[in-house]
N, C-alpha and C. Protein backbone atom coordinates (compact mmCIF):
# COMPACT_ATOMS: atom_id res chain seq x y z
N MET A 1 14.01 -0.50 65.21
CA MET A 1 15.21 -0.96 64.96
C MET A 1 15.58 -0.73 63.59
N LEU A 2 14.95 -0.40 62.49
CA LEU A 2 15.27 -0.42 61.32
C LEU A 2 16.09 1.52 61.31
N GLU A 3 15.16 1.89 62.15
CA GLU A 3 16.10 3.89 62.08
C GLU A 3 17.39 3.73 62.73
N TYR A 4 17.58 2.59 63.53
CA TYR A 4 19.23 2.58 63.85
C TYR A 4 20.18 1.90 63.02
N GLY A 5 19.49 1.70 61.73
CA GLY A 5 20.58 0.63 60.60
C GLY A 5 20.72 -0.62 61.03
N ASP A 6 19.64 -1.12 62.10
CA ASP A 6 19.95 -2.84 62.16
C ASP A 6 19.01 -3.35 61.19
N GLN A 7 19.49 -4.65 60.91
CA GLN A 7 18.74 -5.52 59.92
C GLN A 7 18.25 -6.69 61.04
N ALA A 8 17.12 -7.07 60.44
CA ALA A 8 16.40 -8.42 61.18
C ALA A 8 16.61 -9.60 60.41
N VAL A 9 17.03 -10.44 61.08
CA VAL A 9 17.77 -12.00 60.66
C VAL A 9 16.19 -12.66 61.00
N VAL A 10 16.04 -13.35 59.74
CA VAL A 10 15.00 -14.37 60.21
C VAL A 10 15.35 -15.57 59.77
N THR A 11 15.40 -16.84 60.96
CA THR A 11 15.52 -18.22 60.30
C THR A 11 14.51 -19.00 60.25
N LEU A 12 14.28 -19.79 59.77
CA LEU A 12 12.92 -21.01 59.39
C LEU A 12 13.80 -22.37 59.32
N SER A 13 13.13 -22.96 60.02
CA SER A 13 13.57 -24.69 59.90
C SER A 13 12.30 -25.28 59.92
N SER A 14 12.50 -26.88 60.11
CA SER A 14 11.47 -27.76 59.98
C SER A 14 10.70 -27.87 61.32
N TYR A 15 11.26 -27.14 62.47
CA TYR A 15 10.55 -26.98 63.40
C TYR A 15 9.44 -26.09 63.86
N GLU A 16 9.59 -25.05 62.81
CA GLU A 16 8.42 -24.16 62.71
C GLU A 16 7.28 -24.73 62.19
N THR A 17 7.09 -26.12 61.70
CA THR A 17 6.06 -26.46 61.04
C THR A 17 4.84 -26.48 61.99
N PRO A 18 3.62 -26.03 61.51
CA PRO A 18 2.15 -26.32 62.41
C PRO A 18 1.94 -27.40 63.06
N ILE A 19 1.86 -27.55 64.27
CA ILE A 19 1.50 -28.82 64.91
C ILE A 19 0.47 -29.58 63.77
N GLY A 20 -0.80 -28.74 63.94
CA GLY A 20 -1.84 -29.47 63.05
C GLY A 20 -1.43 -30.12 61.79
N LEU A 21 -0.76 -29.32 60.97
CA LEU A 21 0.14 -30.08 59.67
C LEU A 21 0.62 -31.07 59.79
N SER A 22 1.63 -30.93 61.28
CA SER A 22 2.17 -32.39 61.33
C SER A 22 1.65 -33.53 61.64
N LYS A 23 0.73 -33.00 62.51
CA LYS A 23 -0.29 -34.00 63.08
C LYS A 23 -0.96 -34.72 62.03
N ARG A 24 -1.63 -34.09 60.84
CA ARG A 24 -2.40 -34.37 60.12
C ARG A 24 -1.70 -35.14 58.68
N MET A 25 -0.53 -34.55 58.33
CA MET A 25 0.07 -35.46 57.14
C MET A 25 1.23 -35.84 57.44
N GLY A 26 2.03 -35.90 59.06
CA GLY A 26 3.25 -36.48 59.24
C GLY A 26 4.36 -35.60 59.37
N PHE A 27 5.01 -35.17 59.89
CA PHE A 27 6.45 -34.35 60.34
C PHE A 27 7.07 -34.77 58.91
N LEU A 28 7.09 -33.66 57.66
CA LEU A 28 7.99 -33.77 56.72
C LEU A 28 7.83 -35.05 56.03
N GLY A 29 6.71 -35.81 56.27
CA GLY A 29 6.77 -37.20 55.74
C GLY A 29 6.47 -37.03 54.41
N GLY A 30 6.00 -36.41 53.56
CA GLY A 30 5.40 -36.66 52.43
C GLY A 30 5.41 -35.06 51.87
N SER A 31 5.49 -35.49 50.29
CA SER A 31 5.52 -34.32 49.51
C SER A 31 4.69 -33.22 49.91
N ARG A 32 3.16 -33.46 50.18
CA ARG A 32 2.48 -32.70 50.50
C ARG A 32 2.48 -31.56 51.78
N THR A 33 3.12 -32.30 52.67
CA THR A 33 3.64 -31.65 53.75
C THR A 33 4.79 -30.77 53.39
N ILE A 34 5.86 -30.91 52.86
CA ILE A 34 6.84 -30.07 52.31
C ILE A 34 6.30 -29.08 51.44
N ASP A 35 5.41 -29.53 50.21
CA ASP A 35 4.78 -28.17 49.54
C ASP A 35 3.85 -27.21 50.51
N ALA A 36 3.42 -28.05 51.60
CA ALA A 36 2.42 -26.46 52.68
C ALA A 36 3.59 -25.83 53.09
N TYR A 37 4.79 -26.64 53.87
CA TYR A 37 5.87 -25.43 54.46
C TYR A 37 6.04 -24.76 53.49
N LEU A 38 6.47 -25.05 52.18
CA LEU A 38 6.84 -24.52 51.40
C LEU A 38 5.88 -22.78 50.99
N ILE A 39 4.91 -23.26 50.96
CA ILE A 39 3.88 -22.08 51.15
C ILE A 39 4.02 -21.18 52.31
N MET A 40 4.08 -21.82 53.27
CA MET A 40 4.09 -21.20 54.74
C MET A 40 5.06 -20.07 54.56
N SER A 41 6.12 -20.75 54.14
CA SER A 41 7.69 -20.14 54.61
C SER A 41 7.43 -18.76 53.60
N MET A 42 7.06 -19.17 52.15
CA MET A 42 7.21 -18.07 51.25
C MET A 42 5.83 -16.74 51.88
N SER A 43 4.87 -17.08 52.42
CA SER A 43 4.06 -16.48 52.88
C SER A 43 4.54 -15.81 53.99
N LEU A 44 5.25 -16.26 54.92
CA LEU A 44 6.27 -15.20 56.08
C LEU A 44 7.14 -14.15 55.11
N LEU A 45 8.04 -14.99 54.43
CA LEU A 45 8.97 -14.11 53.42
C LEU A 45 8.33 -12.76 52.89
N ASN A 46 7.31 -13.05 51.95
CA ASN A 46 6.74 -11.98 51.32
C ASN A 46 5.88 -10.96 52.39
N ALA A 47 5.67 -11.20 53.98
CA ALA A 47 5.34 -10.36 54.42
C ALA A 47 6.28 -9.61 55.71
N ILE A 48 7.27 -9.96 55.29
CA ILE A 48 8.43 -8.76 55.88
C ILE A 48 9.45 -8.42 54.92
N LYS A 49 8.84 -8.97 53.44
CA LYS A 49 9.79 -8.15 52.52
C LYS A 49 9.80 -6.40 52.16
N GLY A 50 10.80 -6.20 52.20
CA GLY A 50 11.15 -4.75 51.87
C GLY A 50 10.87 -3.94 53.59
N LYS A 51 11.22 -4.65 54.62
CA LYS A 51 11.27 -4.24 55.69
C LYS A 51 12.55 -4.01 56.44
């Protein structure tokens, strides 16, 4: 894809919260869930950085 000059678009939403996290902490029901989602999002973005 990159060799043709195309760029990937990544969209994250609260629906990508892992089901285990949602069940254990509540679906965006508290600051711990939001903090965990932020860590997950940053990990994903760091994994694709520079690609």
